[in-house]
Amino acid sequence: MEEEKSCCSHKTKERSEKEYKDLIHRLNRIEGQIRGIKGMVEKNAYCTDILTQVAAANAALNSFNKVLLANHIRTCVARDIREGKDETIDELVVTLQKLMR
């Protein structure tokens, strides 16, 4: 049901319509920010103006990560721990280490 084969981590996640729409909305905004930054570079915008927009895009990505991580912990991790799958804790630790680089 929630775990199926895929190319990336061999697992998939069925999300509620609300969670799905929220994540897609956030990604669409981030995509727009990145296109805006590209446009600024193409128009030779001033460096600090571009850097400010890059910082905003980074903040939006960090916010996306926080929402996705919280959802992951509340659903997948909690379910696996209840089912005795302690390896999920190790997976979470590795994920957190990657996020903190």
Protein backbone atom coordinates (compact mmCIF):
# COMPACT_ATOMS: atom_id res chain seq x y z
CA MET A 1 0.00 0.00 0.00
CA GLU A 2 2.35 2.77 1.14
CA GLU A 3 5.55 0.92 0.27
CA GLU A 4 6.08 0.00 -3.37
CA LYS A 5 9.10 -0.28 -5.64
CA SER A 6 10.36 2.96 -7.20
CA CYS A 7 13.62 4.19 -8.69
CA CYS A 8 14.80 6.26 -5.76
CA SER A 9 14.35 4.67 -2.35
CA HIS A 10 12.29 1.56 -3.14
CA LYS A 11 9.38 3.06 -1.22
CA THR A 12 6.50 5.30 -2.12
CA LYS A 13 4.05 7.25 0.02
CA GLU A 14 0.35 7.80 -0.52
CA ARG A 15 -0.42 11.35 0.60
CA SER A 16 -3.72 12.90 1.47
CA GLU A 17 -5.10 15.32 -1.11
CA LYS A 18 -4.46 18.22 1.31
CA GLU A 19 -0.81 17.23 1.91
CA TYR A 20 -0.25 16.66 -1.81
CA LYS A 21 -1.72 20.03 -2.80
CA ASP A 22 0.28 21.86 -0.11
CA LEU A 23 3.58 20.29 -1.22
CA ILE A 24 2.89 20.94 -4.91
CA HIS A 25 1.88 24.55 -4.15
CA ARG A 26 5.14 25.10 -2.26
CA LEU A 27 7.18 23.55 -5.07
CA ASN A 28 5.42 25.66 -7.68
CA ARG A 29 6.30 28.81 -5.72
CA ILE A 30 9.93 27.68 -5.39
CA GLU A 31 10.05 26.90 -9.11
CA GLY A 32 8.77 30.41 -9.81
CA GLN A 33 11.43 31.89 -7.53
CA ILE A 34 14.16 29.96 -9.38
CA ARG A 35 12.84 31.14 -12.76
CA GLY A 36 12.85 34.68 -11.37
CA ILE A 37 16.47 34.34 -10.26
CA LYS A 38 17.43 33.02 -13.70
CA GLY A 39 15.69 36.02 -15.26
CA MET A 40 17.59 38.36 -12.96
CA VAL A 41 20.90 36.82 -14.07
CA GLU A 42 19.86 37.06 -17.72
CA LYS A 43 19.03 40.75 -17.21
CA ASN A 44 22.35 41.40 -15.43
CA ALA A 45 20.67 42.35 -12.14
CA TYR A 46 22.83 43.62 -9.31
CA CYS A 47 24.56 40.83 -7.35
CA THR A 48 23.06 41.63 -3.95
CA ASP A 49 19.56 41.69 -5.43
CA ILE A 50 20.11 38.20 -6.85
CA LEU A 51 21.61 36.98 -3.58
CA THR A 52 18.57 38.25 -1.70
CA GLN A 53 16.29 36.26 -3.99
CA VAL A 54 18.49 33.16 -3.65
CA ALA A 55 18.21 33.48 0.14
CA ALA A 56 14.42 33.63 -0.19
CA ALA A 57 14.42 30.50 -2.39
CA ASN A 58 16.66 28.70 0.12
CA ALA A 59 14.27 29.66 2.92
CA ALA A 60 11.34 28.33 0.91
CA LEU A 61 13.18 25.03 0.30
CA ASN A 62 14.00 24.77 4.00
CA SER A 63 10.36 25.37 4.84
CA PHE A 64 9.35 22.67 2.35
CA ASN A 65 11.81 20.26 4.01
CA LYS A 66 10.41 21.02 7.46
CA VAL A 67 6.83 20.32 6.36
CA LEU A 68 7.79 17.14 4.51
CA LEU A 69 9.95 15.89 7.39
CA ALA A 70 7.22 16.54 9.97
CA ASN A 71 4.70 14.66 7.82
CA HIS A 72 7.18 11.80 7.37
CA ILE A 73 7.79 11.49 11.11
CA ARG A 74 4.07 11.64 11.95
CA THR A 75 3.13 8.99 9.39
CA CYS A 76 5.84 6.67 8.04
CA VAL A 77 8.25 6.77 10.99
CA ALA A 78 5.54 6.48 13.65
CA ARG A 79 3.89 3.58 11.79
CA ASP A 80 7.18 1.71 11.36
CA ILE A 81 8.14 2.16 15.01
CA ARG A 82 4.72 0.83 16.08
CA GLU A 83 5.33 -2.16 13.79
CA GLY A 84 8.77 -2.77 15.37
CA LYS A 85 10.79 -1.67 12.34
CA ASP A 86 13.66 -0.06 14.24
CA GLU A 87 15.72 0.32 11.04
CA THR A 88 13.46 3.28 10.26
CA ILE A 89 15.13 5.18 13.11
CA ASP A 90 18.52 4.66 11.46
CA GLU A 91 17.06 5.83 8.14
CA LEU A 92 15.69 8.95 9.85
CA VAL A 93 19.07 9.70 11.45
CA VAL A 94 20.80 9.43 8.06
CA THR A 95 18.18 11.71 6.51
CA LEU A 96 18.60 14.29 9.26
CA GLN A 97 22.38 14.20 8.82
CA LYS A 98 21.96 14.89 5.10
CA LEU A 99 19.63 17.80 5.82
CA MET A 100 22.11 19.35 8.24
CA ARG A 101 25.06 19.45 5.81
